[in-house]
């Protein structure tokens, strides 16, 4: 270490001795080219970080360039311009020598600076600038032949760059979570939802601590940050619910929860559970969810079996020299059937039981829209129907470009002619909606009214007549089984 220090001192002394020398000869040539060349040399020197490794000399070179450029613009003598350019070149040459010394003494410190810049520490503003100024003090000390100051303080500056690097990593990764927690503090959510606030605060603190200790473990940092953001959003949601419940009486709160569970029960076909406790309702809903999952798994197994059969047939067929038309048609039908069943299962899951019934009818899929509502005696679609019709659109588009028939049906109340016309208009209203919303081209959809001629239930009861008033959507795939 003493030997290295002696070599550096000797080198600085030689550089200092050269600092007082003047250019040996005046430059000649095109003055504009001389100035342009100096500008290029400055850009190259900056790319080598001489502006920070030898800041004083680099600044002298920049000053000389500006004077040369101003002299050129004013049409000064070549000797004047040449003098400034020569001075700039001399400063750059000495800057390069000093920069090499700075790289040797501040090697690890410079690496720490590069890492901090790589993660965007300069975007922190003042915290980064404070450390950068400390770094410039080191390089200026080297320029001034004060190597002991640079060596003594290099480790502290290196640690400071490490701190702003971690600060930048945290700012990038945890910035949104911190902002949400700051908003929570402004809204005094700690008092409204103290438990949720504590959980969110703990998640953020854990992410912050882990990031500080492992700033390069980007995948884990990302996961912990995502969890912190989730817990902050959860805090907001619980605070809003707390505020809602605070304004309610105990009974109103219970009815509110009952409504939520009832709506979920309808979607899962559990029946009316309102005479059960909340715990019993949740147990029933959980059981229904498990049953649905088991049914879905069964359907997936059936589909997989069909695919396996198709694959097996394909393997067998591929081994034959030629296929008969009957064999090819059987293969096509089997593939079409498997595809149809897969799409049928998918469409079934789009609708709740109170919205529509979905079933197969030969090579067609039928959507019986139970939930569609028209004003009495009218064929006008109201906004309440748009959600259901949107699901019908999605179901149709599952089959690509199929043929679709819209069937309108009424009960027997009123004259047969009036019901026939009303059913036709209602079917056409649905067709118009589907065409207007780019579901299919108009020539792919047909609307037909059947009036009361195709009842599903006896007309002797109110419930029976309600069942008979319906819209059926028949989807015929382009490739039928």
Protein backbone atom coordinates (compact mmCIF):
# COMPACT_ATOMS: atom_id res chain seq x y z
CA UNK A 1 0.00 0.00 0.00
CA UNK A 2 2.85 2.40 0.81
CA UNK A 3 4.51 1.56 -2.52
CA UNK A 4 1.25 2.25 -4.41
CA UNK A 5 0.83 5.52 -2.57
CA UNK A 6 4.42 6.53 -3.43
CA UNK A 7 3.82 5.75 -7.13
CA UNK A 8 0.64 7.81 -7.14
CA UNK A 9 2.35 10.73 -5.42
CA UNK A 10 5.15 10.60 -7.98
CA UNK A 11 2.63 10.50 -10.83
CA UNK A 12 0.71 13.46 -9.42
CA UNK A 13 3.95 15.37 -9.06
CA UNK A 14 4.84 14.73 -12.70
CA UNK A 15 1.33 15.76 -13.79
CA UNK A 16 1.62 18.91 -11.70
CA UNK A 17 4.94 19.71 -13.32
CA UNK A 18 3.37 19.34 -16.74
CA UNK A 19 0.48 21.59 -15.70
CA UNK A 20 2.61 24.69 -16.05
CA UNK A 21 3.85 23.86 -19.54
CA UNK A 22 2.43 25.68 -22.52
CA UNK A 23 1.57 24.14 -25.90
CA UNK A 24 4.78 23.52 -27.85
CA UNK A 25 3.43 24.85 -31.13
CA UNK A 26 0.43 26.72 -32.42
CA UNK A 27 -2.19 24.63 -34.25
CA UNK A 28 -2.77 25.27 -37.94
CA UNK A 29 -5.56 24.40 -40.31
CA UNK A 30 -9.23 25.20 -40.81
CA UNK A 31 -10.39 27.01 -37.61
CA UNK A 32 -13.93 25.58 -37.82
CA UNK A 33 -12.52 22.05 -38.03
CA UNK A 34 -10.23 22.71 -35.05
CA UNK A 35 -13.18 23.87 -32.90
CA UNK A 36 -15.35 20.94 -34.07
CA UNK A 37 -12.59 18.47 -33.25
CA UNK A 38 -12.23 19.91 -29.74
CA UNK A 39 -15.98 19.58 -29.24
CA UNK A 40 -15.79 15.91 -30.26
CA UNK A 41 -12.88 15.36 -27.86
CA UNK A 42 -14.95 16.88 -25.04
CA UNK A 43 -17.88 14.56 -25.81
CA UNK A 44 -15.56 11.56 -25.83
CA UNK A 45 -13.96 12.65 -22.55
CA UNK A 46 -17.37 13.02 -20.93
CA UNK A 47 -18.33 9.53 -22.05
CA UNK A 48 -15.22 8.38 -20.16
CA UNK A 49 -16.50 10.26 -17.06
CA UNK A 50 -13.64 12.76 -17.04
CA UNK A 51 -16.17 15.44 -16.06
CA UNK A 52 -16.40 13.78 -12.62
CA UNK A 53 -13.00 12.07 -12.39
CA UNK A 54 -11.12 15.30 -13.19
CA UNK A 55 -13.82 17.96 -12.88
CA UNK A 56 -11.59 21.04 -12.68
CA UNK A 57 -9.50 20.22 -15.74
CA UNK A 58 -12.57 19.14 -17.69
CA UNK A 59 -14.21 22.46 -16.81
CA UNK A 60 -11.06 24.30 -18.03
CA UNK A 61 -11.29 22.41 -21.33
CA UNK A 62 -14.98 23.31 -21.68
CA UNK A 63 -14.21 26.96 -20.97
CA UNK A 64 -11.48 26.95 -23.61
CA UNK A 65 -13.88 25.40 -26.11
CA UNK A 66 -16.53 28.05 -25.45
CA UNK A 67 -13.97 30.83 -25.96
CA UNK A 68 -12.75 29.20 -29.17
CA UNK A 69 -16.31 28.88 -30.46
CA UNK A 70 -17.14 32.48 -29.59
CA UNK A 71 -13.95 33.65 -31.31
CA UNK A 72 -14.84 31.62 -34.39
CA UNK A 73 -18.34 33.12 -34.48
CA UNK A 74 -16.87 36.63 -34.26
CA UNK A 75 -14.36 35.95 -37.06
CA UNK A 76 -11.28 36.25 -34.83
CA UNK A 77 -7.77 35.49 -36.06
CA UNK A 78 -6.66 31.91 -36.52
CA UNK A 79 -3.92 32.43 -33.93
CA UNK A 80 -6.50 33.39 -31.27
CA UNK A 81 -8.77 30.43 -32.04
CA UNK A 82 -5.75 28.10 -32.21
CA UNK A 83 -4.58 29.28 -28.80
CA UNK A 84 -7.92 28.45 -27.16
CA UNK A 85 -8.14 25.06 -28.88
CA UNK A 86 -4.56 24.23 -27.87
CA UNK A 87 -5.38 25.18 -24.27
CA UNK A 88 -8.50 22.98 -24.32
CA UNK A 89 -6.56 20.03 -25.71
CA UNK A 90 -3.86 20.46 -23.07
CA UNK A 91 -6.48 20.51 -20.29
CA UNK A 92 -8.10 17.36 -21.67
CA UNK A 93 -4.75 15.60 -21.84
CA UNK A 94 -4.03 16.41 -18.19
CA UNK A 95 -7.64 15.49 -17.28
CA UNK A 96 -7.12 12.06 -18.79
CA UNK A 97 -4.00 11.54 -16.66
CA UNK A 98 -5.74 12.69 -13.46
CA UNK A 99 -8.80 10.55 -14.31
CA UNK A 100 -6.58 7.48 -14.40
CA UNK A 101 -5.32 8.29 -10.90
CA UNK A 102 -8.90 8.83 -9.71
CA UNK A 103 -9.94 5.45 -11.13
CA UNK A 104 -7.11 3.79 -9.22
CA UNK A 105 -7.81 5.44 -5.87
CA UNK A 106 -11.62 5.51 -6.12
CA UNK A 107 -12.18 2.19 -7.87
CA UNK A 108 -14.75 0.70 -5.46
CA UNK A 109 -16.33 4.09 -4.79
CA UNK A 110 -16.82 4.65 -8.52
CA UNK A 111 -18.39 1.20 -8.87
CA UNK A 112 -20.83 2.07 -6.07
CA UNK A 113 -21.68 5.29 -7.93
CA UNK A 114 -22.31 3.39 -11.17
CA UNK A 115 -24.64 0.95 -9.38
CA UNK A 116 -26.59 3.81 -7.84
CA UNK A 117 -27.02 5.48 -11.23
CA UNK A 118 -28.07 2.19 -12.82
CA UNK A 119 -31.13 1.95 -10.57
CA UNK A 120 -32.04 5.61 -11.10
CA UNK A 121 -30.70 7.11 -7.88
CA UNK A 122 -30.17 10.44 -9.67
CA UNK A 123 -33.98 10.75 -9.85
CA UNK A 124 -34.05 11.07 -6.06
CA UNK A 125 -32.92 14.68 -6.42
CA UNK A 126 -31.21 16.24 -3.41
CA UNK A 127 -30.30 13.00 -1.56
CA UNK A 128 -28.32 11.86 -4.58
CA UNK A 129 -26.81 15.29 -5.27
CA UNK A 130 -25.48 15.46 -1.73
CA UNK A 131 -23.53 12.22 -2.29
CA UNK A 132 -22.45 13.28 -5.77
CA UNK A 133 -20.98 16.48 -4.32
CA UNK A 134 -19.04 14.40 -1.79
CA UNK A 135 -17.67 12.32 -4.67
CA UNK A 136 -16.62 15.48 -6.55
CA UNK A 137 -14.77 16.65 -3.44
CA UNK A 138 -12.70 13.46 -3.63
CA UNK A 139 -11.83 13.90 -7.32
CA UNK A 140 -11.05 17.59 -6.83
CA UNK A 141 -8.76 16.66 -3.94
CA UNK A 142 -6.90 14.30 -6.28
CA UNK A 143 -6.60 17.11 -8.82
CA UNK A 144 -5.12 19.27 -6.06
CA UNK A 145 -2.58 16.59 -5.12
CA UNK A 146 -4.39 15.83 -1.84
CA UNK A 147 -4.41 12.03 -2.15
CA UNK A 148 -4.64 11.45 1.59
CA UNK A 149 -8.03 13.22 1.76
CA UNK A 150 -9.38 11.09 -1.09
CA UNK A 151 -8.12 7.86 0.42
CA UNK A 152 -9.39 8.74 3.88
CA UNK A 153 -12.95 9.58 2.78
CA UNK A 154 -13.47 7.19 -0.15
CA UNK A 155 -15.05 4.46 2.00
CA UNK A 156 -17.60 6.88 3.52
CA UNK A 157 -18.65 8.11 0.08
CA UNK A 158 -18.86 4.53 -1.16
CA UNK A 159 -21.25 3.71 1.72
CA UNK A 160 -23.28 6.84 0.94
CA UNK A 161 -23.71 5.73 -2.70
CA UNK A 162 -24.83 2.34 -1.42
CA UNK A 163 -27.46 4.07 0.74
CA UNK A 164 -28.90 6.10 -2.16
CA UNK A 165 -28.84 2.98 -4.35
CA UNK A 166 -31.03 1.14 -1.84
CA UNK A 167 -33.17 4.27 -1.45
CA UNK A 168 -33.74 4.30 -5.23
CA UNK A 169 -34.59 0.59 -5.32
CA UNK A 170 -37.13 1.09 -2.54
CA UNK A 171 -38.55 4.16 -4.21
CA UNK A 172 -39.04 2.24 -7.44
CA UNK A 173 -40.42 -0.93 -5.89
CA UNK A 174 -42.40 0.42 -2.93
CA UNK A 175 -43.38 3.87 -4.16
CA UNK A 176 -47.04 3.03 -4.85
CA UNK A 177 -47.50 1.15 -1.56
CA UNK A 178 -45.95 4.05 0.35
CA UNK A 179 -48.23 6.52 -1.41
CA UNK A 180 -51.30 4.49 -0.49
CA UNK A 181 -50.22 4.32 3.15
CA UNK A 182 -49.57 8.06 3.13
CA UNK A 183 -53.11 8.56 1.80
CA UNK A 184 -54.35 6.27 4.56
CA UNK A 185 -52.60 8.45 7.15
CA UNK A 186 -54.12 11.60 5.65
CA UNK A 187 -57.57 10.02 5.90
CA UNK A 188 -56.86 8.85 9.46
CA UNK A 189 -57.64 5.23 8.60
CA UNK A 190 -55.56 4.01 11.55
CA UNK A 191 -58.48 5.02 13.81
CA UNK A 192 -61.19 3.70 11.47
CA UNK A 193 -59.62 0.28 10.78
CA UNK A 194 -56.69 -0.21 13.20
CA UNK A 195 -56.30 -3.96 12.62
CA UNK A 196 -56.25 -3.68 8.82
CA UNK A 197 -53.95 -0.65 9.09
CA UNK A 198 -51.52 -2.60 11.26
CA UNK A 199 -51.46 -5.51 8.80
CA UNK A 200 -50.83 -3.17 5.85
CA UNK A 201 -48.13 -1.31 7.76
CA UNK A 202 -46.42 -4.58 8.70
CA UNK A 203 -46.47 -5.78 5.06
CA UNK A 204 -44.87 -2.51 3.91
CA UNK A 205 -42.25 -2.60 6.69
CA UNK A 206 -41.34 -6.19 5.84
CA UNK A 207 -40.98 -5.33 2.15
CA UNK A 208 -38.90 -2.27 3.04
CA UNK A 209 -36.59 -4.24 5.34
CA UNK A 210 -36.13 -7.08 2.86
CA UNK A 211 -35.38 -4.66 0.02
CA UNK A 212 -32.76 -2.90 2.13
CA UNK A 213 -31.01 -6.18 2.89
CA UNK A 214 -31.45 -7.79 -0.56
CA UNK A 215 -31.62 -4.97 -3.14
CA UNK A 216 -30.77 -7.30 -6.04
CA UNK A 217 -33.38 -10.01 -5.29
CA UNK A 218 -35.80 -8.50 -7.79
CA UNK A 219 -38.30 -11.38 -7.95
CA UNK A 220 -38.81 -11.58 -4.18
CA UNK A 221 -38.89 -7.79 -3.89
CA UNK A 222 -41.61 -7.72 -6.53
CA UNK A 223 -43.68 -10.31 -4.66
CA UNK A 224 -43.34 -8.56 -1.31
CA UNK A 225 -44.18 -5.22 -2.91
CA UNK A 226 -47.28 -6.73 -4.56
CA UNK A 227 -48.36 -8.06 -1.15
CA UNK A 228 -47.81 -4.64 0.46
CA UNK A 229 -49.93 -2.98 -2.24
CA UNK A 230 -52.63 -5.63 -1.82
CA UNK A 231 -52.76 -5.07 1.95
CA UNK A 232 -52.96 -1.30 1.41
CA UNK A 233 -55.90 -1.74 -0.98
CA UNK A 234 -57.48 -4.13 1.53
CA UNK A 235 -57.13 -1.43 4.19
CA UNK A 236 -58.99 1.02 1.95
CA UNK A 237 -61.76 -1.51 1.29
CA UNK A 238 -62.19 -2.43 4.96
CA UNK A 239 -62.23 1.26 5.92
CA UNK A 240 -65.01 1.91 3.42
CA UNK A 241 -66.99 -1.07 4.72
CA UNK A 242 -66.41 0.07 8.30
CA UNK A 243 -67.77 3.51 7.45
CA UNK A 244 -70.82 1.90 5.81
CA UNK A 245 -71.54 -0.36 8.78
CA UNK A 246 -71.02 2.49 11.23
CA UNK A 247 -74.03 4.27 9.76
CA UNK A 248 -76.22 1.14 10.04
CA UNK A 249 -78.20 -0.30 12.90
CA UNK A 250 -77.27 -3.88 13.92
CA UNK A 251 -80.33 -5.21 12.10
CA UNK A 252 -79.53 -3.25 8.94
CA UNK A 253 -76.01 -4.67 9.02
CA UNK A 254 -77.36 -8.21 9.35
CA UNK A 255 -79.78 -7.67 6.46
CA UNK A 256 -76.98 -6.25 4.33
CA UNK A 257 -74.86 -9.35 4.89
CA UNK A 258 -77.94 -11.52 4.28
CA UNK A 259 -78.51 -9.87 0.90
CA UNK A 260 -74.90 -10.53 -0.14
CA UNK A 261 -75.10 -14.20 0.87
CA UNK A 262 -78.50 -14.61 -0.81
CA UNK A 263 -77.22 -13.22 -4.09
CA UNK A 264 -74.29 -15.63 -3.95
CA UNK A 265 -76.67 -18.47 -3.09
CA UNK A 266 -78.79 -17.75 -6.19
CA UNK A 267 -75.72 -17.88 -8.39
CA UNK A 268 -74.74 -21.23 -6.85
CA UNK A 269 -78.28 -22.71 -6.80
CA UNK A 270 -78.29 -23.40 -3.04
CA UNK A 271 -81.91 -22.37 -2.50
CA UNK A 272 -83.16 -19.89 0.09
CA UNK A 273 -80.86 -20.04 3.15
CA UNK A 274 -82.08 -16.94 4.95
CA UNK A 275 -83.52 -18.97 7.82
CA UNK A 276 -80.00 -20.22 8.64
CA UNK A 277 -77.24 -18.56 10.64
CA UNK A 278 -74.46 -16.77 8.80
CA UNK A 279 -72.11 -19.63 9.62
CA UNK A 280 -74.56 -22.21 8.29
CA UNK A 281 -75.10 -20.20 5.10
CA UNK A 282 -71.35 -19.96 4.55
CA UNK A 283 -71.01 -23.71 5.12
CA UNK A 284 -73.72 -24.39 2.53
CA UNK A 285 -72.13 -22.02 0.03
CA UNK A 286 -68.74 -23.62 0.56
CA UNK A 287 -70.23 -27.06 -0.05
CA UNK A 288 -71.94 -25.82 -3.22
CA UNK A 289 -68.67 -24.33 -4.45
CA UNK A 290 -66.88 -27.62 -3.84
CA UNK A 291 -69.61 -29.48 -5.72
CA UNK A 292 -69.34 -27.08 -8.66
CA UNK A 293 -65.59 -27.55 -8.70
CA UNK A 294 -66.01 -31.33 -8.70
CA UNK A 295 -68.53 -31.05 -11.57
CA UNK A 296 -66.14 -28.87 -13.52
CA UNK A 297 -63.37 -31.40 -12.96
CA UNK A 298 -65.68 -34.16 -14.19
CA UNK A 299 -66.50 -32.17 -17.33
CA UNK A 300 -62.81 -31.57 -17.91
CA UNK A 301 -62.20 -35.33 -17.60
CA UNK A 302 -64.97 -36.02 -20.12
CA UNK A 303 -63.46 -33.49 -22.51
CA UNK A 304 -60.03 -34.97 -21.99
CA UNK A 305 -61.43 -38.43 -22.69
CA UNK A 306 -62.93 -37.16 -25.94
CA UNK A 307 -59.64 -35.60 -26.91
CA UNK A 308 -57.83 -38.84 -26.08
CA UNK A 309 -60.30 -40.78 -28.23
CA UNK A 310 -59.77 -38.34 -31.07
CA UNK A 311 -56.01 -38.59 -30.71
CA UNK A 312 -56.25 -42.37 -30.67
CA UNK A 313 -58.41 -42.42 -33.77
CA UNK A 314 -56.09 -40.00 -35.53
CA UNK A 315 -53.15 -42.26 -34.75
CA UNK A 316 -55.03 -45.28 -36.07
CA UNK A 317 -56.24 -43.47 -39.16
CA UNK A 318 -52.81 -42.05 -39.93
CA UNK A 319 -51.44 -45.59 -40.04
CA UNK A 320 -53.76 -46.61 -42.84
CA UNK A 321 -52.92 -46.23 -46.52
CA UNK A 322 -56.26 -44.67 -47.36
CA UNK A 323 -59.49 -43.81 -45.66
CA UNK A 324 -63.01 -44.34 -46.80
CA UNK A 325 -65.42 -41.45 -46.88
CA UNK A 326 -67.29 -43.04 -44.00
CA UNK A 327 -64.16 -43.14 -41.86
CA UNK A 328 -63.30 -39.53 -42.65
CA UNK A 329 -66.83 -38.44 -41.83
CA UNK A 330 -66.77 -40.37 -38.54
CA UNK A 331 -63.52 -38.67 -37.63
CA UNK A 332 -64.95 -35.25 -38.48
CA UNK A 333 -68.14 -35.89 -36.50
CA UNK A 334 -66.20 -37.06 -33.48
CA UNK A 335 -63.93 -34.01 -33.57
CA UNK A 336 -66.92 -31.70 -34.08
CA UNK A 337 -68.77 -33.39 -31.22
CA UNK A 338 -65.82 -32.98 -28.89
CA UNK A 339 -65.45 -29.33 -29.84
CA UNK A 340 -69.20 -28.74 -29.51
CA UNK A 341 -69.27 -30.33 -26.03
CA UNK A 342 -66.31 -28.25 -24.92
CA UNK A 343 -68.00 -25.03 -26.04
CA UNK A 344 -71.33 -26.13 -24.57
CA UNK A 345 -69.72 -26.64 -21.15
CA UNK A 346 -68.05 -23.24 -21.43
CA UNK A 347 -71.31 -21.46 -22.36
CA UNK A 348 -73.20 -23.13 -19.51
CA UNK A 349 -70.94 -21.39 -17.04
CA UNK A 350 -71.77 -17.93 -18.45
CA UNK A 351 -75.35 -17.87 -17.08
CA UNK A 352 -76.97 -18.04 -13.68
CA UNK A 353 -80.00 -20.30 -13.38
CA UNK A 354 -82.34 -17.31 -13.10
CA UNK A 355 -80.88 -15.81 -16.30
CA UNK A 356 -80.99 -18.63 -18.80
CA UNK A 357 -81.12 -22.38 -19.31
CA UNK A 358 -78.55 -23.84 -21.70
CA UNK A 359 -79.04 -27.26 -23.32
CA UNK A 360 -78.26 -29.24 -26.46
CA UNK A 361 -80.93 -29.91 -29.06
CA UNK A 362 -79.56 -32.16 -31.79
CA UNK A 363 -76.69 -30.32 -33.42
CA UNK A 364 -77.79 -27.00 -31.92
CA UNK A 365 -77.16 -25.24 -28.64
CA UNK A 366 -80.25 -23.56 -27.15
CA UNK A 367 -80.17 -20.61 -24.75
CA UNK A 368 -83.59 -20.20 -23.16
CA UNK A 369 -83.52 -16.67 -21.74
CA UNK A 370 -85.63 -16.82 -18.60
CA UNK A 371 -84.42 -13.50 -17.32
CA UNK A 372 -85.30 -11.31 -20.32
CA UNK A 373 -88.02 -8.78 -19.57
CA UNK A 374 -90.26 -6.72 -21.89
CA UNK A 375 -92.86 -4.13 -20.89
CA UNK A 376 -96.37 -5.66 -21.03
CA UNK A 377 -97.60 -5.86 -24.61
CA UNK A 378 -94.41 -4.23 -25.98
CA UNK A 379 -91.26 -5.31 -27.82
CA UNK A 380 -88.86 -2.66 -26.49
CA UNK A 381 -85.58 -3.83 -24.93
CA UNK A 382 -84.83 -1.99 -21.68
CA UNK A 383 -81.30 -1.46 -20.19
CA UNK A 384 -82.03 -4.10 -17.54
CA UNK A 385 -81.64 -6.73 -20.27
CA UNK A 386 -78.22 -5.58 -21.53
CA UNK A 387 -76.16 -7.67 -19.10
CA UNK A 388 -78.00 -10.87 -20.10
CA UNK A 389 -77.78 -9.99 -23.81
CA UNK A 390 -74.06 -9.32 -23.40
CA UNK A 391 -73.65 -12.88 -22.11
CA UNK A 392 -75.66 -14.17 -25.08
CA UNK A 393 -73.27 -12.28 -27.38
CA UNK A 394 -70.31 -13.92 -25.66
CA UNK A 395 -71.95 -17.34 -26.00
CA UNK A 396 -72.60 -16.88 -29.73
CA UNK A 397 -69.06 -15.67 -30.39
CA UNK A 398 -67.72 -18.76 -28.63
CA UNK A 399 -68.80 -20.63 -31.78
CA UNK A 400 -67.07 -18.24 -34.19
CA UNK A 401 -69.48 -17.48 -37.07
CA UNK A 402 -72.47 -19.78 -36.45
CA UNK A 403 -76.03 -19.50 -37.74
CA UNK A 404 -78.43 -18.15 -35.11
CA UNK A 405 -82.21 -18.27 -34.87
CA UNK A 406 -84.05 -16.03 -32.40
CA UNK A 407 -87.43 -17.50 -31.42
CA UNK A 408 -90.09 -15.37 -29.77
CA UNK A 409 -92.85 -17.05 -27.68
CA UNK A 410 -95.84 -15.65 -25.76
CA UNK A 411 -98.59 -17.04 -23.55
CA UNK A 412 -102.18 -17.42 -24.81
CA UNK A 413 -103.53 -14.26 -23.19
CA UNK A 414 -105.14 -12.10 -25.88
CA UNK A 415 -105.77 -12.88 -29.55
CA UNK A 416 -103.60 -15.34 -31.46
CA UNK A 417 -102.79 -12.75 -34.14
CA UNK A 418 -101.72 -10.12 -31.59
CA UNK A 419 -99.48 -12.66 -29.81
CA UNK A 420 -98.00 -13.82 -33.10
CA UNK A 421 -97.07 -10.24 -34.06
CA UNK A 422 -95.74 -9.46 -30.55
CA UNK A 423 -93.52 -12.58 -30.49
CA UNK A 424 -92.14 -11.70 -33.93
CA UNK A 425 -91.35 -8.11 -32.91
CA UNK A 426 -89.63 -9.25 -29.71
CA UNK A 427 -87.48 -11.75 -31.62
CA UNK A 428 -86.57 -9.01 -34.13
CA UNK A 429 -85.70 -6.62 -31.27
CA UNK A 430 -83.15 -9.15 -29.96
CA UNK A 431 -81.79 -9.68 -33.48
CA UNK A 432 -81.43 -5.91 -33.98
CA UNK A 433 -79.49 -5.62 -30.71
CA UNK A 434 -77.10 -8.44 -31.63
CA UNK A 435 -76.46 -7.06 -35.13
CA UNK A 436 -75.99 -3.50 -33.83
CA UNK A 437 -73.39 -4.75 -31.34
CA UNK A 438 -71.37 -6.58 -34.02
CA UNK A 439 -72.19 -10.06 -32.76
CA UNK A 440 -72.72 -11.51 -36.25
CA UNK A 441 -73.54 -10.23 -39.75
CA UNK A 442 -77.29 -9.69 -40.25
CA UNK A 443 -77.56 -12.55 -42.74
CA UNK A 444 -76.33 -14.99 -40.05
CA UNK A 445 -79.28 -14.25 -37.72
CA UNK A 446 -82.93 -15.14 -38.30
CA UNK A 447 -85.84 -13.92 -36.13
CA UNK A 448 -89.07 -15.95 -35.90
CA UNK A 449 -92.17 -15.44 -33.78
CA UNK A 450 -94.32 -18.43 -32.74
CA UNK A 451 -96.86 -16.65 -30.53
CA UNK A 452 -98.44 -19.11 -28.05
CA UNK A 453 -98.16 -22.12 -30.36
CA UNK A 454 -95.26 -23.81 -28.55
CA UNK A 455 -96.02 -23.73 -24.80
CA UNK A 456 -93.73 -25.37 -22.27
CA UNK A 457 -96.17 -25.34 -19.36
CA UNK A 458 -99.97 -25.37 -18.89
CA UNK A 459 -101.62 -21.99 -19.44
CA UNK A 460 -103.95 -22.55 -16.48
CA UNK A 461 -101.57 -20.98 -13.92
CA UNK A 462 -99.69 -17.69 -13.62
CA UNK A 463 -96.41 -19.58 -13.26
CA UNK A 464 -97.13 -21.62 -16.40
CA UNK A 465 -97.89 -18.53 -18.48
CA UNK A 466 -94.69 -16.85 -17.21
CA UNK A 467 -92.64 -19.87 -18.34
CA UNK A 468 -94.22 -19.75 -21.81
CA UNK A 469 -93.30 -16.08 -22.31
CA UNK A 470 -89.69 -16.44 -23.43
CA UNK A 471 -87.00 -15.83 -26.02
CA UNK A 472 -85.00 -18.85 -27.23
CA UNK A 473 -81.65 -18.45 -29.01
CA UNK A 474 -80.70 -21.42 -31.22
CA UNK A 475 -77.01 -21.58 -32.22
CA UNK A 476 -76.02 -23.84 -35.12
CA UNK A 477 -72.20 -24.13 -35.42
CA UNK A 478 -70.66 -23.89 -38.87
CA UNK A 479 -69.13 -27.33 -38.23
CA UNK A 480 -71.87 -29.57 -36.83
CA UNK A 481 -71.37 -32.99 -35.21
